[in-house]
C-alpha cells in the first residue's frame, strides 16, 4: 500500500451490498489503516437484518479476513472478499434467513425474486 505525506491511502471496494475499507472507525470517521479492514454491510438498507443474519455475516467476514491474513489488503483482495460476502447474502436470502426491506428507497430484487412460501 502506498503511503502519502498525510498518512496511508484508503483503499475501498464497493459491491451492491458490501463496502470494504482499509480503515478503522474513530469517532464515527474512517481513518486509513493498511492493516485493518472495515465492513459496511447493506448501506442502502435493501434487506431486513435480524441479529442472527448479522452475526452470520460478521462471522463470514472474520473468516475471510483470517483466510487472507498476511496478504496485502489491495484492490484485488478486497474485491474477492466483497464478492464472497455478496454470495453469503444471496445464500441467506434464498434460505429465508434474510428478507428484502419493503421500505427500501429502490426495491429492485437485486439478489433474485423473493421466495413465496409453498402451500401444502
C-alpha atoms as a PDB file:
ATOM      1  CA  UNK A   1       0.000   0.000   0.000  1.00  0.00           C
ATOM      2  CA  UNK A   2       1.107   3.473  -0.795  1.00  0.00           C
ATOM      3  CA  UNK A   3       1.761   5.990   1.915  1.00  0.00           C
ATOM      4  CA  UNK A   4       1.266   9.686   1.349  1.00  0.00           C
ATOM      5  CA  UNK A   5       2.632  12.590   3.301  1.00  0.00           C
ATOM      6  CA  UNK A   6      -0.628  12.750   5.242  1.00  0.00           C
ATOM      7  CA  UNK A   7      -0.637   9.027   6.063  1.00  0.00           C
ATOM      8  CA  UNK A   8      -1.836   5.814   4.488  1.00  0.00           C
ATOM      9  CA  UNK A   9      -4.046   5.741   1.443  1.00  0.00           C
ATOM     10  CA  UNK A  10      -7.553   4.432   1.912  1.00  0.00           C
ATOM     11  CA  UNK A  11      -8.410   1.510  -0.354  1.00  0.00           C
ATOM     12  CA  UNK A  12     -12.057   0.637  -0.755  1.00  0.00           C
ATOM     13  CA  UNK A  13     -14.138  -1.898  -2.602  1.00  0.00           C
ATOM     14  CA  UNK A  14     -17.840  -1.482  -3.212  1.00  0.00           C
ATOM     15  CA  UNK A  15     -20.331  -4.077  -4.349  1.00  0.00           C
ATOM     16  CA  UNK A  16     -24.099  -3.687  -4.373  1.00  0.00           C
ATOM     17  CA  UNK A  17     -24.478  -4.616  -0.685  1.00  0.00           C
ATOM     18  CA  UNK A  18     -20.942  -4.554   0.731  1.00  0.00           C
ATOM     19  CA  UNK A  19     -18.433  -1.762   1.194  1.00  0.00           C
ATOM     20  CA  UNK A  20     -14.949  -2.608   2.447  1.00  0.00           C
ATOM     21  CA  UNK A  21     -12.349  -0.091   3.570  1.00  0.00           C
ATOM     22  CA  UNK A  22      -8.727  -0.384   4.664  1.00  0.00           C
ATOM     23  CA  UNK A  23      -9.508   1.745   7.675  1.00  0.00           C
ATOM     24  CA  UNK A  24     -10.634   1.760  11.263  1.00  0.00           C
ATOM     25  CA  UNK A  25     -13.511   3.780  12.663  1.00  0.00           C
ATOM     26  CA  UNK A  26     -12.648   6.515  15.159  1.00  0.00           C
ATOM     27  CA  UNK A  27     -15.291   8.914  16.430  1.00  0.00           C
ATOM     28  CA  UNK A  28     -17.588   7.917  13.577  1.00  0.00           C
ATOM     29  CA  UNK A  29     -14.924   8.660  10.938  1.00  0.00           C
ATOM     30  CA  UNK A  30     -12.874   6.326   8.761  1.00  0.00           C
ATOM     31  CA  UNK A  31      -9.164   6.601   9.466  1.00  0.00           C
ATOM     32  CA  UNK A  32      -6.967   4.927   6.823  1.00  0.00           C
ATOM     33  CA  UNK A  33      -5.178   1.891   8.258  1.00  0.00           C
ATOM     34  CA  UNK A  34      -3.457  -0.513   5.838  1.00  0.00           C
ATOM     35  CA  UNK A  35      -3.569  -3.308   8.431  1.00  0.00           C
ATOM     36  CA  UNK A  36      -7.299  -3.236   9.177  1.00  0.00           C
ATOM     37  CA  UNK A  37     -10.390  -3.961   7.128  1.00  0.00           C
ATOM     38  CA  UNK A  38     -13.765  -2.403   7.969  1.00  0.00           C
ATOM     39  CA  UNK A  39     -17.109  -3.662   6.667  1.00  0.00           C
ATOM     40  CA  UNK A  40     -20.161  -1.530   5.834  1.00  0.00           C
ATOM     41  CA  UNK A  41     -22.944  -4.049   5.232  1.00  0.00           C
ATOM     42  CA  UNK A  42     -26.024  -3.193   3.144  1.00  0.00           C
ATOM     43  CA  UNK A  43     -25.536   0.593   3.191  1.00  0.00           C
ATOM     44  CA  UNK A  44     -28.780   1.155   1.237  1.00  0.00           C
ATOM     45  CA  UNK A  45     -30.857  -0.940   3.695  1.00  0.00           C
ATOM     46  CA  UNK A  46     -32.182  -3.207   0.962  1.00  0.00           C
ATOM     47  CA  UNK A  47     -32.643  -6.034   3.472  1.00  0.00           C
ATOM     48  CA  UNK A  48     -34.165  -6.541   6.909  1.00  0.00           C
ATOM     49  CA  UNK A  49     -31.384  -7.849   9.137  1.00  0.00           C
ATOM     50  CA  UNK A  50     -32.059  -9.728  12.344  1.00  0.00           C
ATOM     51  CA  UNK A  51     -29.294 -10.407  14.858  1.00  0.00           C
ATOM     52  CA  UNK A  52     -28.720 -13.935  13.561  1.00  0.00           C
ATOM     53  CA  UNK A  53     -28.199 -12.810   9.947  1.00  0.00           C
ATOM     54  CA  UNK A  54     -25.877 -10.015  11.083  1.00  0.00           C
ATOM     55  CA  UNK A  55     -23.884 -12.463  13.213  1.00  0.00           C
ATOM     56  CA  UNK A  56     -23.624 -14.860  10.273  1.00  0.00           C
ATOM     57  CA  UNK A  57     -22.262 -12.096   8.043  1.00  0.00           C
ATOM     58  CA  UNK A  58     -19.807 -10.868  10.688  1.00  0.00           C
ATOM     59  CA  UNK A  59     -18.554 -14.425  11.192  1.00  0.00           C
ATOM     60  CA  UNK A  60     -18.108 -14.937   7.431  1.00  0.00           C
ATOM     61  CA  UNK A  61     -16.299 -11.585   7.195  1.00  0.00           C
ATOM     62  CA  UNK A  62     -13.978 -12.634  10.028  1.00  0.00           C
ATOM     63  CA  UNK A  63     -13.278 -15.979   8.319  1.00  0.00           C
ATOM     64  CA  UNK A  64     -12.443 -14.262   5.036  1.00  0.00           C
ATOM     65  CA  UNK A  65     -10.153 -11.747   6.716  1.00  0.00           C
ATOM     66  CA  UNK A  66      -8.366 -14.560   8.557  1.00  0.00           C
ATOM     67  CA  UNK A  67      -8.051 -16.551   5.310  1.00  0.00           C
ATOM     68  CA  UNK A  68      -6.237 -13.574   3.755  1.00  0.00           C
ATOM     69  CA  UNK A  69      -4.008 -12.934   6.781  1.00  0.00           C
ATOM     70  CA  UNK A  70      -0.529 -11.938   5.692  1.00  0.00           C
ATOM     71  CA  UNK A  71      -1.685 -10.927   2.210  1.00  0.00           C
ATOM     72  CA  UNK A  72      -1.727  -7.300   1.157  1.00  0.00           C
ATOM     73  CA  UNK A  73      -5.083  -5.610   1.599  1.00  0.00           C
ATOM     74  CA  UNK A  74      -5.195  -4.417  -2.004  1.00  0.00           C
ATOM     75  CA  UNK A  75      -7.973  -3.839  -4.557  1.00  0.00           C
ATOM     76  CA  UNK A  76      -7.975  -7.463  -5.670  1.00  0.00           C
ATOM     77  CA  UNK A  77      -8.168  -8.895  -2.151  1.00  0.00           C
ATOM     78  CA  UNK A  78     -10.952  -6.506  -1.184  1.00  0.00           C
ATOM     79  CA  UNK A  79     -12.952  -7.372  -4.323  1.00  0.00           C
ATOM     80  CA  UNK A  80     -12.603 -11.094  -3.593  1.00  0.00           C
ATOM     81  CA  UNK A  81     -13.796 -10.664  -0.013  1.00  0.00           C
ATOM     82  CA  UNK A  82     -16.677  -8.427  -1.160  1.00  0.00           C
ATOM     83  CA  UNK A  83     -17.759 -10.975  -3.777  1.00  0.00           C
ATOM     84  CA  UNK A  84     -17.695 -13.762  -1.195  1.00  0.00           C
ATOM     85  CA  UNK A  85     -19.844 -11.692   1.149  1.00  0.00           C
ATOM     86  CA  UNK A  86     -22.324 -10.944  -1.665  1.00  0.00           C
ATOM     87  CA  UNK A  87     -22.598 -14.703  -2.178  1.00  0.00           C
ATOM     88  CA  UNK A  88     -23.324 -15.192   1.517  1.00  0.00           C
ATOM     89  CA  UNK A  89     -26.082 -12.559   1.370  1.00  0.00           C
ATOM     90  CA  UNK A  90     -27.663 -14.400  -1.576  1.00  0.00           C
ATOM     91  CA  UNK A  91     -27.388 -17.674   0.352  1.00  0.00           C
ATOM     92  CA  UNK A  92     -29.138 -16.172   3.404  1.00  0.00           C
ATOM     93  CA  UNK A  93     -31.878 -14.698   1.218  1.00  0.00           C
ATOM     94  CA  UNK A  94     -32.504 -17.962  -0.608  1.00  0.00           C
ATOM     95  CA  UNK A  95     -32.612 -19.837   2.699  1.00  0.00           C
ATOM     96  CA  UNK A  96     -35.253 -17.427   4.041  1.00  0.00           C
ATOM     97  CA  UNK A  97     -32.893 -16.133   6.752  1.00  0.00           C
ATOM     98  CA  UNK A  98     -32.887 -12.653   5.210  1.00  0.00           C
ATOM     99  CA  UNK A  99     -35.723 -10.637   3.679  1.00  0.00           C
ATOM    100  CA  UNK A 100     -35.978  -7.657   1.383  1.00  0.00           C
ATOM    101  CA  UNK A 101     -36.891  -4.402   3.095  1.00  0.00           C
ATOM    102  CA  UNK A 102     -40.233  -3.261   1.610  1.00  0.00           C
ATOM    103  CA  UNK A 103     -39.435   0.313   2.745  1.00  0.00           C
ATOM    104  CA  UNK A 104     -36.160   0.469   0.785  1.00  0.00           C
ATOM    105  CA  UNK A 105     -36.000   3.544  -1.436  1.00  0.00           C
ATOM    106  CA  UNK A 106     -35.444   1.316  -4.507  1.00  0.00           C
ATOM    107  CA  UNK A 107     -36.772  -2.210  -4.307  1.00  0.00           C
ATOM    108  CA  UNK A 108     -35.185  -3.957  -7.279  1.00  0.00           C
ATOM    109  CA  UNK A 109     -34.745  -7.528  -6.021  1.00  0.00           C
ATOM    110  CA  UNK A 110     -31.062  -7.405  -6.893  1.00  0.00           C
ATOM    111  CA  UNK A 111     -30.451 -10.846  -5.401  1.00  0.00           C
ATOM    112  CA  UNK A 112     -33.421 -12.507  -7.103  1.00  0.00           C
ATOM    113  CA  UNK A 113     -37.129 -12.544  -6.527  1.00  0.00           C
ATOM    114  CA  UNK A 114     -38.347 -13.299  -3.010  1.00  0.00           C
ATOM    115  CA  UNK A 115     -39.292 -16.897  -2.414  1.00  0.00           C
ATOM    116  CA  UNK A 116     -43.029 -17.428  -1.954  1.00  0.00           C
ATOM    117  CA  UNK A 117     -43.974 -19.929   0.745  1.00  0.00           C
ATOM    118  CA  UNK A 118     -45.013 -23.251  -0.738  1.00  0.00           C
ATOM    119  CA  UNK A 119     -48.562 -24.303   0.114  1.00  0.00           C
ATOM    120  CA  UNK A 120     -49.158 -27.905   1.063  1.00  0.00           C
END
